[in-house]
């Protein structure tokens, strides 16, 4: 009823529901991953790709860059390969 007294409030929550739909679908997909480890891997990739989307990075280009460079990257520098920290000029 608050939207009746405040014109800034939306009548429905469609925008929010649409933004969280991929998360809900992901949760459902985890049930059919085959194992707990597989579900954790799926969740990890959902997170990586969601971070790419948030930072306006093409997930396929990011993943290709990581796969091409992960062997040459020292373990202490793995953080630099994450989408939020990657040098966008490289991908």
PDB file of N, CA and C in Angstrom:
ATOM      1  N   UNK A   1       0.818  -1.201   0.000  1.00  0.00           N
ATOM      2  CA  UNK A   1       0.000   0.000   0.000  1.00  0.00           C
ATOM      3  C   UNK A   1       0.857   1.259   0.000  1.00  0.00           C
ATOM      4  N   UNK A   2       2.143   1.135   0.288  1.00  0.00           N
ATOM      5  CA  UNK A   2       3.000   2.319   0.328  1.00  0.00           C
ATOM      6  C   UNK A   2       3.077   3.017  -1.023  1.00  0.00           C
ATOM      7  N   UNK A   3       2.947   2.271  -2.117  1.00  0.00           N
ATOM      8  CA  UNK A   3       3.039   2.914  -3.430  1.00  0.00           C
ATOM      9  C   UNK A   3       1.878   3.867  -3.683  1.00  0.00           C
ATOM     10  N   UNK A   4       0.799   3.733  -2.924  1.00  0.00           N
ATOM     11  CA  UNK A   4      -0.327   4.655  -3.062  1.00  0.00           C
ATOM     12  C   UNK A   4      -0.004   6.028  -2.494  1.00  0.00           C
ATOM     13  N   UNK A   5       0.923   6.083  -1.546  1.00  0.00           N
ATOM     14  CA  UNK A   5       1.261   7.366  -0.920  1.00  0.00           C
ATOM     15  C   UNK A   5       2.559   7.963  -1.457  1.00  0.00           C
ATOM     16  N   UNK A   6       3.329   7.183  -2.202  1.00  0.00           N
ATOM     17  CA  UNK A   6       4.606   7.665  -2.708  1.00  0.00           C
ATOM     18  C   UNK A   6       4.710   7.330  -4.193  1.00  0.00           C
ATOM     19  N   UNK A   7       4.693   8.344  -5.033  1.00  0.00           N
ATOM     20  CA  UNK A   7       4.737   8.155  -6.480  1.00  0.00           C
ATOM     21  C   UNK A   7       6.055   7.616  -6.995  1.00  0.00           C
ATOM     22  N   UNK A   8       7.104   7.610  -6.164  1.00  0.00           N
ATOM     23  CA  UNK A   8       8.419   7.103  -6.574  1.00  0.00           C
ATOM     24  C   UNK A   8       8.483   5.574  -6.523  1.00  0.00           C
ATOM     25  N   UNK A   9       7.559   4.944  -5.826  1.00  0.00           N
ATOM     26  CA  UNK A   9       7.587   3.494  -5.673  1.00  0.00           C
ATOM     27  C   UNK A   9       6.885   2.813  -6.838  1.00  0.00           C
ATOM     28  N   UNK A  10       7.462   1.695  -7.274  1.00  0.00           N
ATOM     29  CA  UNK A  10       6.874   0.909  -8.360  1.00  0.00           C
ATOM     30  C   UNK A  10       5.719   0.066  -7.819  1.00  0.00           C
ATOM     31  N   UNK A  11       4.710  -0.153  -8.665  1.00  0.00           N
ATOM     32  CA  UNK A  11       3.568  -0.963  -8.258  1.00  0.00           C
ATOM     33  C   UNK A  11       3.952  -2.438  -8.186  1.00  0.00           C
ATOM     34  N   UNK A  12       4.820  -2.862  -9.083  1.00  0.00           N
ATOM     35  CA  UNK A  12       5.218  -4.268  -9.078  1.00  0.00           C
ATOM     36  C   UNK A  12       6.730  -4.388  -8.925  1.00  0.00           C
ATOM     37  N   UNK A  13       7.194  -5.595  -8.797  1.00  0.00           N
ATOM     38  CA  UNK A  13       8.622  -5.840  -8.588  1.00  0.00           C
ATOM     39  C   UNK A  13       9.245  -6.585  -9.776  1.00  0.00           C
ATOM     40  N   UNK A  14       8.698  -6.397 -10.970  1.00  0.00           N
ATOM     41  CA  UNK A  14       9.184  -7.126 -12.143  1.00  0.00           C
ATOM     42  C   UNK A  14      10.666  -6.874 -12.431  1.00  0.00           C
ATOM     43  N   UNK A  15      11.124  -5.634 -12.271  1.00  0.00           N
ATOM     44  CA  UNK A  15      12.532  -5.349 -12.563  1.00  0.00           C
ATOM     45  C   UNK A  15      13.453  -6.137 -11.646  1.00  0.00           C
ATOM     46  N   UNK A  16      13.118  -6.188 -10.380  1.00  0.00           N
ATOM     47  CA  UNK A  16      13.937  -6.944  -9.432  1.00  0.00           C
ATOM     48  C   UNK A  16      13.836  -8.441  -9.719  1.00  0.00           C
ATOM     49  N   UNK A  17      12.627  -8.911  -9.954  1.00  0.00           N
ATOM     50  CA  UNK A  17      12.447 -10.340 -10.223  1.00  0.00           C
ATOM     51  C   UNK A  17      13.231 -10.767 -11.463  1.00  0.00           C
ATOM     52  N   UNK A  18      13.230  -9.931 -12.492  1.00  0.00           N
ATOM     53  CA  UNK A  18      13.984 -10.257 -13.710  1.00  0.00           C
ATOM     54  C   UNK A  18      15.486 -10.266 -13.460  1.00  0.00           C
ATOM     55  N   UNK A  19      15.956  -9.394 -12.567  1.00  0.00           N
ATOM     56  CA  UNK A  19      17.394  -9.333 -12.318  1.00  0.00           C
ATOM     57  C   UNK A  19      17.885 -10.525 -11.498  1.00  0.00           C
ATOM     58  N   UNK A  20      17.024 -11.135 -10.672  1.00  0.00           N
ATOM     59  CA  UNK A  20      17.462 -12.271  -9.863  1.00  0.00           C
ATOM     60  C   UNK A  20      17.068 -13.622 -10.474  1.00  0.00           C
ATOM     61  N   UNK A  21      16.359 -13.600 -11.587  1.00  0.00           N
ATOM     62  CA  UNK A  21      15.936 -14.854 -12.223  1.00  0.00           C
ATOM     63  C   UNK A  21      17.109 -15.779 -12.545  1.00  0.00           C
ATOM     64  N   UNK A  22      18.228 -15.268 -13.092  1.00  0.00           N
ATOM     65  CA  UNK A  22      19.344 -16.191 -13.358  1.00  0.00           C
ATOM     66  C   UNK A  22      19.839 -16.905 -12.097  1.00  0.00           C
ATOM     67  N   UNK A  23      19.800 -16.232 -10.973  1.00  0.00           N
ATOM     68  CA  UNK A  23      20.218 -16.883  -9.731  1.00  0.00           C
ATOM     69  C   UNK A  23      19.271 -18.016  -9.362  1.00  0.00           C
ATOM     70  N   UNK A  24      17.982 -17.763  -9.512  1.00  0.00           N
ATOM     71  CA  UNK A  24      17.005 -18.802  -9.191  1.00  0.00           C
ATOM     72  C   UNK A  24      17.138 -19.987 -10.142  1.00  0.00           C
ATOM     73  N   UNK A  25      17.364 -19.717 -11.419  1.00  0.00           N
ATOM     74  CA  UNK A  25      17.565 -20.804 -12.379  1.00  0.00           C
ATOM     75  C   UNK A  25      18.835 -21.580 -12.060  1.00  0.00           C
ATOM     76  N   UNK A  26      19.865 -20.853 -11.654  1.00  0.00           N
ATOM     77  CA  UNK A  26      21.105 -21.510 -11.279  1.00  0.00           C
ATOM     78  C   UNK A  26      20.908 -22.458 -10.120  1.00  0.00           C
ATOM     79  N   UNK A  27      20.183 -22.002  -9.098  1.00  0.00           N
ATOM     80  CA  UNK A  27      19.923 -22.872  -7.944  1.00  0.00           C
ATOM     81  C   UNK A  27      19.211 -24.141  -8.373  1.00  0.00           C
ATOM     82  N   UNK A  28      18.261 -24.003  -9.287  1.00  0.00           N
ATOM     83  CA  UNK A  28      17.536 -25.185  -9.765  1.00  0.00           C
ATOM     84  C   UNK A  28      18.480 -26.097 -10.553  1.00  0.00           C
ATOM     85  N   UNK A  29      19.344 -25.517 -11.369  1.00  0.00           N
ATOM     86  CA  UNK A  29      20.276 -26.321 -12.171  1.00  0.00           C
ATOM     87  C   UNK A  29      21.278 -27.074 -11.310  1.00  0.00           C
ATOM     88  N   UNK A  30      21.647 -26.503 -10.159  1.00  0.00           N
ATOM     89  CA  UNK A  30      22.614 -27.161  -9.295  1.00  0.00           C
ATOM     90  C   UNK A  30      22.091 -28.512  -8.818  1.00  0.00           C
ATOM     91  N   UNK A  31      20.788 -28.643  -8.720  1.00  0.00           N
ATOM     92  CA  UNK A  31      20.206 -29.905  -8.265  1.00  0.00           C
ATOM     93  C   UNK A  31      20.505 -31.054  -9.227  1.00  0.00           C
ATOM     94  N   UNK A  32      20.739 -30.721 -10.498  1.00  0.00           N
ATOM     95  CA  UNK A  32      20.939 -31.742 -11.525  1.00  0.00           C
ATOM     96  C   UNK A  32      22.377 -31.773 -12.031  1.00  0.00           C
ATOM     97  N   UNK A  33      23.302 -31.290 -11.223  1.00  0.00           N
ATOM     98  CA  UNK A  33      24.698 -31.201 -11.636  1.00  0.00           C
ATOM     99  C   UNK A  33      25.399 -32.552 -11.617  1.00  0.00           C
ATOM    100  N   UNK A  34      24.859 -33.510 -10.904  1.00  0.00           N
ATOM    101  CA  UNK A  34      25.464 -34.835 -10.857  1.00  0.00           C
ATOM    102  C   UNK A  34      26.201 -35.113  -9.562  1.00  0.00           C
ATOM    103  N   UNK A  35      26.831 -34.088  -8.997  1.00  0.00           N
ATOM    104  CA  UNK A  35      27.531 -34.262  -7.723  1.00  0.00           C
ATOM    105  C   UNK A  35      27.670 -32.894  -7.059  1.00  0.00           C
ATOM    106  N   UNK A  36      28.040 -32.931  -5.791  1.00  0.00           N
ATOM    107  CA  UNK A  36      28.234 -31.675  -5.054  1.00  0.00           C
ATOM    108  C   UNK A  36      29.384 -30.862  -5.658  1.00  0.00           C
ATOM    109  N   UNK A  37      30.463 -31.537  -6.015  1.00  0.00           N
ATOM    110  CA  UNK A  37      31.613 -30.837  -6.616  1.00  0.00           C
ATOM    111  C   UNK A  37      31.237 -30.182  -7.936  1.00  0.00           C
ATOM    112  N   UNK A  38      30.467 -30.883  -8.756  1.00  0.00           N
ATOM    113  CA  UNK A  38      30.034 -30.318 -10.039  1.00  0.00           C
ATOM    114  C   UNK A  38      29.157 -29.093  -9.807  1.00  0.00           C
ATOM    115  N   UNK A  39      28.274 -29.155  -8.811  1.00  0.00           N
ATOM    116  CA  UNK A  39      27.411 -28.014  -8.497  1.00  0.00           C
ATOM    117  C   UNK A  39      28.241 -26.818  -8.044  1.00  0.00           C
ATOM    118  N   UNK A  40      29.288 -27.068  -7.263  1.00  0.00           N
ATOM    119  CA  UNK A  40      30.169 -25.971  -6.842  1.00  0.00           C
ATOM    120  C   UNK A  40      30.878 -25.347  -8.041  1.00  0.00           C
ATOM    121  N   UNK A  41      31.300 -26.180  -8.996  1.00  0.00           N
ATOM    122  CA  UNK A  41      31.953 -25.657 -10.207  1.00  0.00           C
ATOM    123  C   UNK A  41      30.996 -24.813 -11.033  1.00  0.00           C
ATOM    124  N   UNK A  42      29.764 -25.277 -11.168  1.00  0.00           N
ATOM    125  CA  UNK A  42      28.757 -24.506 -11.907  1.00  0.00           C
ATOM    126  C   UNK A  42      28.526 -23.158 -11.236  1.00  0.00           C
ATOM    127  N   UNK A  43      28.395 -23.181  -9.919  1.00  0.00           N
ATOM    128  CA  UNK A  43      28.171 -21.939  -9.169  1.00  0.00           C
ATOM    129  C   UNK A  43      29.345 -20.984  -9.348  1.00  0.00           C
ATOM    130  N   UNK A  44      30.551 -21.525  -9.377  1.00  0.00           N
ATOM    131  CA  UNK A  44      31.738 -20.696  -9.557  1.00  0.00           C
ATOM    132  C   UNK A  44      31.701 -19.997 -10.924  1.00  0.00           C
ATOM    133  N   UNK A  45      31.333 -20.744 -11.967  1.00  0.00           N
ATOM    134  CA  UNK A  45      31.286 -20.142 -13.292  1.00  0.00           C
ATOM    135  C   UNK A  45      30.146 -19.130 -13.414  1.00  0.00           C
ATOM    136  N   UNK A  46      29.009 -19.406 -12.788  1.00  0.00           N
ATOM    137  CA  UNK A  46      27.939 -18.409 -12.748  1.00  0.00           C
ATOM    138  C   UNK A  46      28.456 -17.118 -12.126  1.00  0.00           C
ATOM    139  N   UNK A  47      29.227 -17.251 -11.067  1.00  0.00           N
ATOM    140  CA  UNK A  47      29.783 -16.083 -10.389  1.00  0.00           C
ATOM    141  C   UNK A  47      30.768 -15.335 -11.286  1.00  0.00           C
ATOM    142  N   UNK A  48      31.674 -16.075 -11.933  1.00  0.00           N
ATOM    143  CA  UNK A  48      32.630 -15.440 -12.841  1.00  0.00           C
ATOM    144  C   UNK A  48      31.908 -14.695 -13.961  1.00  0.00           C
ATOM    145  N   UNK A  49      30.945 -15.362 -14.589  1.00  0.00           N
ATOM    146  CA  UNK A  49      30.256 -14.742 -15.717  1.00  0.00           C
ATOM    147  C   UNK A  49      29.385 -13.576 -15.268  1.00  0.00           C
ATOM    148  N   UNK A  50      28.810 -13.669 -14.088  1.00  0.00           N
ATOM    149  CA  UNK A  50      28.049 -12.547 -13.537  1.00  0.00           C
ATOM    150  C   UNK A  50      28.945 -11.347 -13.269  1.00  0.00           C
ATOM    151  N   UNK A  51      30.153 -11.615 -12.792  1.00  0.00           N
ATOM    152  CA  UNK A  51      31.111 -10.529 -12.554  1.00  0.00           C
ATOM    153  C   UNK A  51      31.535  -9.909 -13.873  1.00  0.00           C
ATOM    154  N   UNK A  52      31.734 -10.735 -14.900  1.00  0.00           N
ATOM    155  CA  UNK A  52      32.058 -10.199 -16.233  1.00  0.00           C
ATOM    156  C   UNK A  52      30.944  -9.273 -16.708  1.00  0.00           C
ATOM    157  N   UNK A  53      29.724  -9.716 -16.558  1.00  0.00           N
ATOM    158  CA  UNK A  53      28.582  -8.909 -17.001  1.00  0.00           C
ATOM    159  C   UNK A  53      28.535  -7.580 -16.241  1.00  0.00           C
ATOM    160  N   UNK A  54      28.777  -7.633 -14.949  1.00  0.00           N
ATOM    161  CA  UNK A  54      28.746  -6.416 -14.126  1.00  0.00           C
ATOM    162  C   UNK A  54      29.809  -5.417 -14.569  1.00  0.00           C
ATOM    163  N   UNK A  55      30.972  -5.927 -14.998  1.00  0.00           N
ATOM    164  CA  UNK A  55      32.076  -5.055 -15.393  1.00  0.00           C
ATOM    165  C   UNK A  55      32.150  -4.846 -16.909  1.00  0.00           C
ATOM    166  N   UNK A  56      31.074  -5.230 -17.610  1.00  0.00           N
ATOM    167  CA  UNK A  56      30.969  -5.043 -19.056  1.00  0.00           C
ATOM    168  C   UNK A  56      32.146  -5.691 -19.809  1.00  0.00           C
ATOM    169  N   UNK A  57      32.428  -6.930 -19.444  1.00  0.00           N
ATOM    170  CA  UNK A  57      33.489  -7.720 -20.071  1.00  0.00           C
ATOM    171  C   UNK A  57      32.833  -8.900 -20.768  1.00  0.00           C
ATOM    172  N   UNK A  58      33.245  -9.180 -21.977  1.00  0.00           N
ATOM    173  CA  UNK A  58      32.730 -10.335 -22.712  1.00  0.00           C
ATOM    174  C   UNK A  58      33.233 -11.608 -22.030  1.00  0.00           C
ATOM    175  N   UNK A  59      32.336 -12.423 -21.471  1.00  0.00           N
ATOM    176  CA  UNK A  59      32.768 -13.618 -20.737  1.00  0.00           C
ATOM    177  C   UNK A  59      33.597 -14.588 -21.568  1.00  0.00           C
ATOM    178  N   UNK A  60      33.267 -14.748 -22.832  1.00  0.00           N
ATOM    179  CA  UNK A  60      34.014 -15.677 -23.680  1.00  0.00           C
ATOM    180  C   UNK A  60      35.446 -15.183 -23.898  1.00  0.00           C
ATOM    181  N   UNK A  61      35.596 -13.893 -24.157  1.00  0.00           N
ATOM    182  CA  UNK A  61      36.948 -13.337 -24.334  1.00  0.00           C
ATOM    183  C   UNK A  61      37.737 -13.437 -23.037  1.00  0.00           C
ATOM    184  N   UNK A  62      37.073 -13.173 -21.899  1.00  0.00           N
ATOM    185  CA  UNK A  62      37.751 -13.283 -20.594  1.00  0.00           C
ATOM    186  C   UNK A  62      38.212 -14.714 -20.353  1.00  0.00           C
ATOM    187  N   UNK A  63      37.316 -15.679 -20.578  1.00  0.00           N
ATOM    188  CA  UNK A  63      37.647 -17.076 -20.329  1.00  0.00           C
ATOM    189  C   UNK A  63      38.782 -17.533 -21.244  1.00  0.00           C
ATOM    190  N   UNK A  64      38.747 -17.132 -22.508  1.00  0.00           N
ATOM    191  CA  UNK A  64      39.822 -17.489 -23.435  1.00  0.00           C
ATOM    192  C   UNK A  64      41.143 -16.891 -22.953  1.00  0.00           C
ATOM    193  N   UNK A  65      41.128 -15.634 -22.530  1.00  0.00           N
ATOM    194  CA  UNK A  65      42.346 -14.995 -22.026  1.00  0.00           C
ATOM    195  C   UNK A  65      42.894 -15.751 -20.818  1.00  0.00           C
ATOM    196  N   UNK A  66      42.015 -16.104 -19.887  1.00  0.00           N
ATOM    197  CA  UNK A  66      42.450 -16.827 -18.687  1.00  0.00           C
ATOM    198  C   UNK A  66      43.043 -18.179 -19.063  1.00  0.00           C
ATOM    199  N   UNK A  67      42.372 -18.916 -19.945  1.00  0.00           N
ATOM    200  CA  UNK A  67      42.869 -20.235 -20.334  1.00  0.00           C
ATOM    201  C   UNK A  67      44.219 -20.131 -21.057  1.00  0.00           C
ATOM    202  N   UNK A  68      44.402 -19.071 -21.835  1.00  0.00           N
ATOM    203  CA  UNK A  68      45.666 -18.883 -22.556  1.00  0.00           C
ATOM    204  C   UNK A  68      46.805 -18.449 -21.637  1.00  0.00           C
ATOM    205  N   UNK A  69      46.486 -17.812 -20.498  1.00  0.00           N
ATOM    206  CA  UNK A  69      47.524 -17.202 -19.671  1.00  0.00           C
ATOM    207  C   UNK A  69      47.682 -17.797 -18.279  1.00  0.00           C
ATOM    208  N   UNK A  70      46.840 -18.713 -17.896  1.00  0.00           N
ATOM    209  CA  UNK A  70      46.890 -19.202 -16.517  1.00  0.00           C
ATOM    210  C   UNK A  70      48.178 -19.965 -16.211  1.00  0.00           C
ATOM    211  N   UNK A  71      48.713 -20.688 -17.177  1.00  0.00           N
ATOM    212  CA  UNK A  71      49.945 -21.447 -16.918  1.00  0.00           C
ATOM    213  C   UNK A  71      51.147 -20.536 -16.726  1.00  0.00           C
ATOM    214  N   UNK A  72      51.155 -19.389 -17.381  1.00  0.00           N
ATOM    215  CA  UNK A  72      52.282 -18.468 -17.271  1.00  0.00           C
ATOM    216  C   UNK A  72      52.133 -17.508 -16.090  1.00  0.00           C
ATOM    217  N   UNK A  73      51.007 -17.556 -15.409  1.00  0.00           N
ATOM    218  CA  UNK A  73      50.750 -16.652 -14.293  1.00  0.00           C
ATOM    219  C   UNK A  73      51.139 -17.327 -12.981  1.00  0.00           C
ATOM    220  N   UNK A  74      52.020 -16.696 -12.200  1.00  0.00           N
ATOM    221  CA  UNK A  74      52.360 -17.272 -10.887  1.00  0.00           C
ATOM    222  C   UNK A  74      51.117 -17.338  -9.994  1.00  0.00           C
ATOM    223  N   UNK A  75      51.072 -18.342  -9.147  1.00  0.00           N
ATOM    224  CA  UNK A  75      49.910 -18.554  -8.280  1.00  0.00           C
ATOM    225  C   UNK A  75      49.601 -17.297  -7.468  1.00  0.00           C
ATOM    226  N   UNK A  76      50.630 -16.593  -7.009  1.00  0.00           N
ATOM    227  CA  UNK A  76      50.397 -15.394  -6.193  1.00  0.00           C
ATOM    228  C   UNK A  76      49.728 -14.274  -6.997  1.00  0.00           C
ATOM    229  N   UNK A  77      49.720 -14.372  -8.318  1.00  0.00           N
ATOM    230  CA  UNK A  77      49.102 -13.346  -9.166  1.00  0.00           C
ATOM    231  C   UNK A  77      47.781 -13.793  -9.789  1.00  0.00           C
ATOM    232  N   UNK A  78      47.236 -14.930  -9.363  1.00  0.00           N
ATOM    233  CA  UNK A  78      45.971 -15.417  -9.923  1.00  0.00           C
ATOM    234  C   UNK A  78      44.849 -14.388  -9.771  1.00  0.00           C
ATOM    235  N   UNK A  79      44.893 -13.602  -8.725  1.00  0.00           N
ATOM    236  CA  UNK A  79      43.854 -12.591  -8.488  1.00  0.00           C
ATOM    237  C   UNK A  79      43.729 -11.656  -9.695  1.00  0.00           C
ATOM    238  N   UNK A  80      44.840 -11.398 -10.363  1.00  0.00           N
ATOM    239  CA  UNK A  80      44.840 -10.502 -11.524  1.00  0.00           C
ATOM    240  C   UNK A  80      44.052 -11.059 -12.702  1.00  0.00           C
ATOM    241  N   UNK A  81      43.749 -12.354 -12.686  1.00  0.00           N
ATOM    242  CA  UNK A  81      42.985 -12.970 -13.769  1.00  0.00           C
ATOM    243  C   UNK A  81      41.477 -12.896 -13.527  1.00  0.00           C
ATOM    244  N   UNK A  82      41.066 -12.538 -12.329  1.00  0.00           N
ATOM    245  CA  UNK A  82      39.638 -12.427 -12.037  1.00  0.00           C
ATOM    246  C   UNK A  82      39.035 -11.268 -12.828  1.00  0.00           C
ATOM    247  N   UNK A  83      37.785 -11.387 -13.241  1.00  0.00           N
ATOM    248  CA  UNK A  83      37.187 -10.357 -14.099  1.00  0.00           C
ATOM    249  C   UNK A  83      37.233  -8.950 -13.508  1.00  0.00           C
ATOM    250  N   UNK A  84      37.065  -8.821 -12.199  1.00  0.00           N
ATOM    251  CA  UNK A  84      37.026  -7.485 -11.606  1.00  0.00           C
ATOM    252  C   UNK A  84      38.399  -6.839 -11.501  1.00  0.00           C
ATOM    253  N   UNK A  85      39.459  -7.631 -11.652  1.00  0.00           N
ATOM    254  CA  UNK A  85      40.825  -7.093 -11.518  1.00  0.00           C
ATOM    255  C   UNK A  85      41.624  -7.138 -12.817  1.00  0.00           C
ATOM    256  N   UNK A  86      41.056  -7.721 -13.854  1.00  0.00           N
ATOM    257  CA  UNK A  86      41.825  -7.931 -15.088  1.00  0.00           C
ATOM    258  C   UNK A  86      42.071  -6.601 -15.803  1.00  0.00           C
ATOM    259  N   UNK A  87      43.218  -6.513 -16.432  1.00  0.00           N
ATOM    260  CA  UNK A  87      43.548  -5.343 -17.235  1.00  0.00           C
ATOM    261  C   UNK A  87      42.752  -5.454 -18.534  1.00  0.00           C
ATOM    262  N   UNK A  88      41.784  -4.580 -18.705  1.00  0.00           N
ATOM    263  CA  UNK A  88      40.874  -4.677 -19.853  1.00  0.00           C
ATOM    264  C   UNK A  88      41.579  -4.475 -21.178  1.00  0.00           C
ATOM    265  N   UNK A  89      42.740  -3.860 -21.156  1.00  0.00           N
ATOM    266  CA  UNK A  89      43.487  -3.667 -22.401  1.00  0.00           C
ATOM    267  C   UNK A  89      44.050  -4.993 -22.933  1.00  0.00           C
ATOM    268  N   UNK A  90      44.163  -5.983 -22.068  1.00  0.00           N
ATOM    269  CA  UNK A  90      44.731  -7.272 -22.467  1.00  0.00           C
ATOM    270  C   UNK A  90      43.732  -8.179 -23.156  1.00  0.00           C
ATOM    271  N   UNK A  91      42.443  -7.998 -22.869  1.00  0.00           N
ATOM    272  CA  UNK A  91      41.450  -8.917 -23.440  1.00  0.00           C
ATOM    273  C   UNK A  91      40.722  -8.351 -24.600  1.00  0.00           C
TER     274      UNK A  91
END
